[in-house]
Amino acid sequence: MSKKYCVLSMFLAACLLLSLAGCGKKKDKKKTDTPAVKYADKYIDLHLHLDGAITVDIAKKLAELQGIELPTEDEAELTKLLTVSADCKSLNDFLKCFDFPLSLMQTEEGLREAVHLVADNIKSQGVIYAEIRFAPQLHTNNGMTQEDAIKAAIDGLKETDLKANLILCLMRGDGNHDANLETVELAKKYLVEDGGVVAIDIAGAEALYPTADYRDLFELAKSYNIPFTIHAGEADGAESVKLAIEYGAARIGHGVRSYESEEVLKLLTDKDIFLEMCPTSNRQTCAVEDMSKYPFMDYLGRGIKVTLNTDDMGIEGTTLAEEFRYMEKEFGLTAEQEKIILENSVEAAFTTDSVKEELRKQLQD
């Protein structure tokens, strides 16, 4: 081969190598420019019942701390006592699961430590902010007053690194109107913008004790400028949600049955009312019989400000991370939609603007 053709061949080979190298770089760049989808790994739980968040480990610690003899030492049996059965037929059946965990929180020491342990537990699961709700009147069986219970819970908040606040629950039921009034008065006394009691709620058997029966309590709370959320549209229908909005609720606990009324759906949208939705809870209490028709995604698509929460994570055997994964798997919840939901949670939180800004920064990290 002549020297001329040899040089030409070497030149063409070099060009080919450079071209292949360039293609490789373009492929690498394309791969780098397409970031992996990042689903939520930090969470905000606005609807979390203290007595429903007692796990087996927490129950053991509370019993040991107070010298209480557990009904059994067998972990499987304790789990049965603390979690809802597979054949749960209604919210009323579900509510029977609270007796055992409540028995472990009838002293100041027990209640304080319960708040502390629950907060630490959910922090380890990725929760960066929570509002823990409990009914002070349910902790007075062994001599504690409602005020003692509130003080103990506030002390429990001081022992955890989790940013958290308290919501005091009134209870639906017979013969407890005076106890509910006392809770409202104590909420007024201990109300803060952050770092303690920030709101009230009403919980219990909604279908048996309708929201219409509690107008006076929320009128009083409103006159005291106490923020409130109301369990509504869970075991009862959309009319319960409509009344809660009429009373002045900033948020609705569950609100899953709001779809029964277009008027209520419009009110939720127009008034920027937040829904504290809890899918596993709604499935287990049969608030929704067919979960394929669970309205969360429809509400989100309508622009209703939905949030995602656990409700009773110990009784249900769930975590907030698992709730998000469930919605991704079963309903196609996207990473972008999760950002909207978490922003809704920040906006809905009963706390200060400065805390909300800090939460937004943490969610962006």
Protein backbone atom coordinates (compact mmCIF):
# COMPACT_ATOMS: atom_id res chain seq x y z
CA MET A 1 0.00 0.00 0.00
CA SER A 2 1.36 3.44 -0.89
CA LYS A 3 2.31 5.90 1.77
CA LYS A 4 -0.50 8.18 0.55
CA TYR A 5 -3.22 5.53 1.06
CA CYS A 6 -1.74 4.45 4.39
CA VAL A 7 -2.01 8.00 5.77
CA LEU A 8 -5.54 8.31 4.41
CA SER A 9 -6.58 5.06 6.08
CA MET A 10 -5.14 6.18 9.41
CA PHE A 11 -6.97 9.50 9.11
CA LEU A 12 -10.32 7.82 8.39
CA ALA A 13 -9.85 5.41 11.31
CA ALA A 14 -9.14 8.32 13.66
CA CYS A 15 -12.31 10.12 12.51
CA LEU A 16 -14.34 6.99 13.12
CA LEU A 17 -13.00 6.66 16.65
CA LEU A 18 -13.72 10.32 17.39
CA SER A 19 -17.24 9.95 16.03
CA LEU A 20 -17.93 6.90 18.20
CA ALA A 21 -16.56 8.68 21.25
CA GLY A 22 -18.81 11.64 20.52
CA CYS A 23 -21.87 9.39 20.29
CA GLY A 24 -21.02 7.90 23.65
CA LYS A 25 -20.83 11.33 25.24
CA LYS A 26 -24.19 12.32 23.80
CA LYS A 27 -25.80 9.20 25.24
CA ASP A 28 -24.26 9.85 28.65
CA LYS A 29 -25.46 13.46 28.56
CA LYS A 30 -28.98 12.40 27.64
CA LYS A 31 -29.01 9.95 30.53
CA THR A 32 -27.72 12.60 32.95
CA ASP A 33 -30.32 15.14 31.80
CA THR A 34 -33.21 12.80 32.68
CA PRO A 35 -33.44 12.71 36.49
CA ALA A 36 -35.05 9.74 38.18
CA VAL A 37 -38.61 10.30 39.41
CA LYS A 38 -38.46 11.18 43.11
CA TYR A 39 -41.44 10.12 45.12
CA ALA A 40 -42.06 11.53 48.59
CA ASP A 41 -39.78 10.33 51.39
CA LYS A 42 -40.67 13.05 53.89
CA TYR A 43 -44.21 13.34 55.20
CA ILE A 44 -46.68 15.42 57.19
CA ASP A 45 -49.41 13.73 59.22
CA LEU A 46 -52.27 16.04 60.17
CA HIS A 47 -54.71 13.32 61.22
CA LEU A 48 -53.12 11.03 63.79
CA HIS A 49 -54.91 9.75 66.90
CA LEU A 50 -52.61 9.15 69.86
CA ASP A 51 -54.54 6.14 71.16
CA GLY A 52 -54.65 4.66 67.68
CA ALA A 53 -50.89 5.00 67.21
CA ILE A 54 -49.80 2.67 70.02
CA THR A 55 -47.73 -0.16 68.57
CA VAL A 56 -46.76 -3.38 70.38
CA ASP A 57 -43.32 -1.96 71.23
CA ILE A 58 -44.82 1.24 72.62
CA ALA A 59 -47.43 -0.70 74.60
CA LYS A 60 -44.71 -2.78 76.24
CA LYS A 61 -42.72 0.32 77.18
CA LEU A 62 -45.77 2.07 78.63
CA ALA A 63 -46.71 -1.00 80.66
CA GLU A 64 -43.19 -1.43 82.03
CA LEU A 65 -42.91 2.26 82.88
CA GLN A 66 -46.13 2.20 84.93
CA GLY A 67 -45.89 -1.30 86.39
CA ILE A 68 -48.95 -2.43 84.44
CA GLU A 69 -49.35 -6.15 83.81
CA LEU A 70 -50.14 -6.77 80.17
CA PRO A 71 -52.99 -9.19 79.38
CA THR A 72 -50.42 -11.38 77.58
CA GLU A 73 -46.69 -11.43 76.92
CA ASP A 74 -47.16 -13.14 73.57
CA GLU A 75 -46.37 -10.65 70.81
CA ALA A 76 -48.86 -12.16 68.36
CA GLU A 77 -51.65 -11.92 70.94
CA LEU A 78 -50.71 -8.33 71.80
CA THR A 79 -50.83 -7.50 68.11
CA LYS A 80 -54.37 -8.87 67.95
CA LEU A 81 -55.36 -6.65 70.88
CA LEU A 82 -53.90 -3.56 69.25
CA THR A 83 -54.90 -4.00 65.61
CA VAL A 84 -58.25 -4.19 63.89
CA SER A 85 -59.54 -7.59 62.84
CA ALA A 86 -59.91 -8.53 59.18
CA ASP A 87 -63.68 -8.90 59.62
CA CYS A 88 -64.25 -5.30 60.82
CA LYS A 89 -67.68 -4.29 59.52
CA SER A 90 -67.96 -0.61 60.46
CA LEU A 91 -66.52 2.40 62.24
CA ASN A 92 -68.32 1.26 65.41
CA ASP A 93 -66.45 -2.07 65.31
CA PHE A 94 -63.21 -0.23 64.62
CA LEU A 95 -63.66 2.02 67.68
CA LYS A 96 -63.66 -1.02 70.00
CA CYS A 97 -59.91 -1.37 69.36
CA PHE A 98 -59.12 1.72 71.42
CA ASP A 99 -59.90 0.30 74.87
CA PHE A 100 -56.57 -1.45 75.41
CA PRO A 101 -54.24 1.39 74.33
CA LEU A 102 -56.29 3.87 76.36
CA SER A 103 -55.78 1.73 79.47
CA LEU A 104 -52.06 2.42 79.18
CA MET A 105 -52.52 6.21 79.25
CA GLN A 106 -54.46 6.87 82.45
CA THR A 107 -51.56 8.50 84.34
CA GLU A 108 -49.61 11.66 83.62
CA GLU A 109 -46.48 9.59 83.25
CA GLY A 110 -48.11 7.20 80.79
CA LEU A 111 -49.68 9.91 78.68
CA ARG A 112 -46.53 12.02 78.56
CA GLU A 113 -44.43 9.05 77.49
CA ALA A 114 -47.03 7.94 74.92
CA VAL A 115 -46.83 11.31 73.15
CA HIS A 116 -43.04 11.17 73.25
CA LEU A 117 -42.80 7.58 71.95
CA VAL A 118 -45.38 8.02 69.19
CA ALA A 119 -43.68 11.20 67.99
CA ASP A 120 -40.26 9.54 67.95
CA ASN A 121 -41.69 6.52 66.13
CA ILE A 122 -43.23 8.48 63.27
CA LYS A 123 -40.13 10.68 62.99
CA SER A 124 -38.13 7.50 62.33
CA GLN A 125 -40.57 6.76 59.48
CA GLY A 126 -39.91 10.04 57.67
CA VAL A 127 -42.56 12.29 59.22
CA ILE A 128 -41.25 15.84 59.64
CA TYR A 129 -44.37 17.40 61.16
CA ALA A 130 -47.42 15.95 62.89
CA GLU A 131 -50.55 17.04 64.71
CA ILE A 132 -51.35 14.44 67.34
CA ARG A 133 -54.94 14.43 68.52
CA PHE A 134 -56.42 12.96 71.68
CA ALA A 135 -59.52 13.39 73.86
CA PRO A 136 -58.54 14.55 77.38
CA GLN A 137 -61.84 13.25 78.80
CA LEU A 138 -60.82 9.67 77.87
CA HIS A 139 -57.79 9.82 80.17
CA THR A 140 -59.55 10.54 83.47
CA ASN A 141 -60.42 6.99 84.60
CA ASN A 142 -57.74 6.84 87.30
CA GLY A 143 -58.01 10.32 88.76
CA MET A 144 -56.32 12.55 86.20
CA THR A 145 -58.27 15.66 85.28
CA GLN A 146 -58.61 16.83 81.70
CA GLU A 147 -56.20 19.64 82.50
CA ASP A 148 -53.68 17.17 83.94
CA ALA A 149 -53.92 15.17 80.73
CA ILE A 150 -53.32 18.23 78.55
CA LYS A 151 -50.30 19.28 80.60
CA ALA A 152 -48.86 15.76 80.39
CA ALA A 153 -49.27 15.68 76.60
CA ILE A 154 -47.59 19.08 76.26
CA ASP A 155 -44.70 17.78 78.37
CA GLY A 156 -44.47 14.79 76.03
CA LEU A 157 -44.01 17.12 73.05
CA LYS A 158 -41.02 18.69 74.80
CA GLU A 159 -39.26 15.32 74.94
CA THR A 160 -39.25 14.64 71.21
CA ASP A 161 -37.21 16.18 68.39
CA LEU A 162 -40.15 15.93 66.01
CA LYS A 163 -41.91 19.20 65.21
CA ALA A 164 -45.42 18.43 66.45
CA ASN A 165 -48.56 19.99 67.90
CA LEU A 166 -51.69 18.80 69.71
CA ILE A 167 -55.37 18.78 68.74
CA LEU A 168 -57.89 18.24 71.55
CA CYS A 169 -60.80 16.01 70.61
CA LEU A 170 -64.34 16.43 71.85
CA MET A 171 -66.25 13.15 71.80
CA ARG A 172 -69.57 12.19 70.24
CA GLY A 173 -71.69 10.31 72.74
CA ASP A 174 -74.31 10.41 75.49
CA GLY A 175 -73.99 12.27 78.78
CA ASN A 176 -70.66 13.97 78.08
CA HIS A 177 -71.76 17.47 77.10
CA ASP A 178 -70.19 19.02 80.18
CA ALA A 179 -66.94 17.17 79.52
CA ASN A 180 -66.94 18.50 75.96
CA LEU A 181 -67.55 22.03 77.21
CA GLU A 182 -64.62 21.64 79.59
CA THR A 183 -62.39 20.56 76.70
CA VAL A 184 -63.33 23.69 74.75
CA GLU A 185 -62.58 25.91 77.76
CA LEU A 186 -59.23 24.20 78.31
CA ALA A 187 -58.39 24.55 74.62
CA LYS A 188 -58.95 28.28 75.01
CA LYS A 189 -56.68 28.35 78.08
CA TYR A 190 -53.82 26.39 76.51
CA LEU A 191 -54.15 27.57 72.90
CA VAL A 192 -50.87 28.55 71.22
CA GLU A 193 -49.84 29.16 67.63
CA ASP A 194 -47.20 26.43 67.83
CA GLY A 195 -45.62 24.09 70.37
CA GLY A 196 -48.73 22.83 72.14
CA VAL A 197 -52.52 22.88 71.74
CA VAL A 198 -53.34 24.43 68.37
CA ALA A 199 -56.93 23.30 67.61
CA ILE A 200 -59.89 21.11 68.56
CA ASP A 201 -61.83 18.35 66.81
CA ILE A 202 -64.75 16.02 67.49
CA ALA A 203 -64.39 12.26 67.05
CA GLY A 204 -66.42 9.14 67.70
CA ALA A 205 -69.41 7.34 66.22
CA GLU A 206 -70.56 9.89 63.64
CA ALA A 207 -73.55 7.92 62.36
CA LEU A 208 -74.94 7.38 65.88
CA TYR A 209 -74.22 10.92 67.09
CA PRO A 210 -74.58 13.29 64.14
CA THR A 211 -72.65 16.51 63.67
CA ALA A 212 -75.92 18.47 63.96
CA ASP A 213 -75.97 17.72 67.71
CA TYR A 214 -72.77 19.68 68.40
CA ARG A 215 -73.43 23.09 66.90
CA ASP A 216 -73.21 24.92 70.24
CA LEU A 217 -69.73 23.59 70.99
CA PHE A 218 -68.30 24.84 67.72
CA GLU A 219 -70.10 28.16 68.00
CA LEU A 220 -68.37 28.57 71.36
CA ALA A 221 -65.00 27.54 69.89
CA LYS A 222 -65.47 30.01 67.07
CA SER A 223 -66.23 32.81 69.53
CA TYR A 224 -62.93 31.97 71.26
CA ASN A 225 -61.03 31.98 67.94
CA ILE A 226 -60.02 28.35 68.43
CA PRO A 227 -59.21 26.74 65.07
CA PHE A 228 -60.96 23.44 64.49
CA THR A 229 -61.31 20.43 62.26
CA ILE A 230 -64.34 18.11 62.41
CA HIS A 231 -64.61 14.39 61.67
CA ALA A 232 -67.35 14.39 59.04
CA GLY A 233 -68.41 12.47 55.96
CA GLU A 234 -66.89 9.23 57.23
CA ALA A 235 -69.66 7.11 58.78
CA ASP A 236 -72.26 9.77 57.92
CA GLY A 237 -72.97 11.42 54.59
CA ALA A 238 -72.21 14.67 52.80
CA GLU A 239 -74.69 16.61 54.93
CA SER A 240 -72.34 16.13 57.88
CA VAL A 241 -69.54 17.75 55.86
CA LYS A 242 -71.82 20.62 54.89
CA LEU A 243 -72.63 21.29 58.56
CA ALA A 244 -68.95 21.17 59.52
CA ILE A 245 -68.19 23.79 56.87
CA GLU A 246 -71.15 25.87 58.07
CA TYR A 247 -69.80 25.74 61.65
CA GLY A 248 -66.47 27.15 60.46
CA ALA A 249 -64.18 24.11 60.18
CA ALA A 250 -60.93 24.90 58.39
CA ARG A 251 -60.42 21.20 57.75
CA ILE A 252 -62.57 18.08 57.54
CA GLY A 253 -61.47 14.80 59.07
CA HIS A 254 -61.92 12.27 56.25
CA GLY A 255 -64.75 13.90 54.24
CA VAL A 256 -64.65 10.81 52.06
CA ARG A 257 -68.41 10.85 51.39
CA SER A 258 -68.43 14.44 50.14
CA TYR A 259 -68.97 13.03 46.63
CA GLU A 260 -72.61 12.40 47.57
CA SER A 261 -73.33 16.11 47.04
CA GLU A 262 -72.12 18.36 44.23
CA GLU A 263 -73.02 21.31 46.46
CA VAL A 264 -70.62 20.09 49.14
CA LEU A 265 -67.85 19.48 46.60
CA LYS A 266 -68.27 23.05 45.37
CA LEU A 267 -68.19 24.39 48.94
CA LEU A 268 -64.93 22.53 49.61
CA THR A 269 -63.39 24.06 46.49
CA ASP A 270 -64.75 27.57 46.86
CA LYS A 271 -63.89 27.88 50.54
CA ASP A 272 -60.49 26.15 50.33
CA ILE A 273 -61.45 23.57 52.95
CA PHE A 274 -58.84 20.86 53.44
CA LEU A 275 -59.70 17.17 53.58
CA GLU A 276 -57.67 14.95 55.93
CA MET A 277 -58.00 11.70 54.00
CA CYS A 278 -56.88 8.31 55.33
CA PRO A 279 -57.26 5.49 52.78
CA THR A 280 -56.36 2.45 54.90
CA SER A 281 -58.66 3.64 57.67
CA ASN A 282 -61.50 4.25 55.22
CA ARG A 283 -61.09 0.76 53.81
CA GLN A 284 -60.99 -0.91 57.21
CA THR A 285 -64.00 0.97 58.63
CA CYS A 286 -65.97 0.37 55.41
CA ALA A 287 -66.43 4.11 54.91
CA VAL A 288 -65.82 3.11 51.30
CA GLU A 289 -67.09 -0.35 50.39
CA ASP A 290 -65.35 -0.54 47.01
CA MET A 291 -61.85 0.94 47.20
CA SER A 292 -61.59 0.97 43.41
CA LYS A 293 -64.03 3.88 43.70
CA TYR A 294 -62.09 5.69 46.42
CA PRO A 295 -62.64 9.38 45.58
CA PHE A 296 -59.21 10.74 46.55
CA MET A 297 -57.93 11.13 42.98
CA ASP A 298 -61.20 12.64 41.82
CA TYR A 299 -61.07 15.20 44.62
CA LEU A 300 -57.46 16.00 43.78
CA GLY A 301 -58.36 16.44 40.11
CA ARG A 302 -61.20 18.82 41.02
CA GLY A 303 -58.77 21.05 42.88
CA ILE A 304 -60.05 20.11 46.35
CA LYS A 305 -57.20 20.43 48.84
CA VAL A 306 -56.70 16.85 49.90
CA THR A 307 -54.05 15.68 52.34
CA LEU A 308 -52.87 12.12 53.04
CA ASN A 309 -52.71 10.82 56.62
CA THR A 310 -52.70 7.64 58.74
CA ASP A 311 -55.55 8.18 61.24
CA ASP A 312 -54.74 5.21 63.54
CA MET A 313 -51.47 3.75 62.35
CA GLY A 314 -51.08 1.27 65.23
CA ILE A 315 -54.60 -0.14 64.97
CA GLU A 316 -54.42 -0.25 61.17
CA GLY A 317 -50.87 -1.61 60.95
CA THR A 318 -49.68 1.10 58.56
CA THR A 319 -47.30 4.05 58.25
CA LEU A 320 -47.63 7.26 56.31
CA ALA A 321 -44.94 6.10 53.88
CA GLU A 322 -47.05 3.00 53.23
CA GLU A 323 -50.12 5.16 52.61
CA PHE A 324 -48.24 7.05 49.89
CA ARG A 325 -46.94 3.83 48.33
CA TYR A 326 -50.48 2.38 48.40
CA MET A 327 -51.85 5.39 46.52
CA GLU A 328 -49.04 5.16 43.96
CA LYS A 329 -49.63 1.47 43.32
CA GLU A 330 -53.43 1.37 43.35
CA PHE A 331 -54.31 4.78 41.92
CA GLY A 332 -51.26 5.91 39.97
CA LEU A 333 -50.45 8.82 42.28
CA THR A 334 -47.51 10.65 40.69
CA ALA A 335 -44.51 12.36 42.24
CA GLU A 336 -45.85 15.74 41.07
CA GLN A 337 -49.22 15.05 42.66
CA GLU A 338 -47.47 14.12 45.90
CA LYS A 339 -45.81 17.54 45.91
CA ILE A 340 -49.27 19.13 45.65
CA ILE A 341 -50.59 16.98 48.49
CA LEU A 342 -47.66 17.80 50.77
CA GLU A 343 -47.97 21.51 49.98
CA ASN A 344 -51.65 21.20 50.92
CA SER A 345 -50.56 19.67 54.23
CA VAL A 346 -48.16 22.53 54.91
CA GLU A 347 -50.82 25.09 54.08
CA ALA A 348 -53.43 23.31 56.21
CA ALA A 349 -51.21 22.88 59.28
CA PHE A 350 -52.31 24.63 62.47
CA THR A 351 -48.98 26.36 62.99
CA THR A 352 -47.08 29.56 62.26
CA ASP A 353 -45.99 30.88 58.88
CA SER A 354 -42.35 30.54 59.91
CA VAL A 355 -42.80 26.84 60.71
CA LYS A 356 -44.56 26.34 57.38
CA GLU A 357 -41.64 27.92 55.52
CA GLU A 358 -39.22 25.63 57.32
CA LEU A 359 -41.35 22.60 56.39
CA ARG A 360 -41.32 23.66 52.73
CA LYS A 361 -37.53 23.86 52.81
CA GLN A 362 -37.26 20.39 54.34
CA LEU A 363 -39.56 18.93 51.70
CA GLN A 364 -37.39 20.41 48.94
CA ASP A 365 -34.12 18.97 50.30
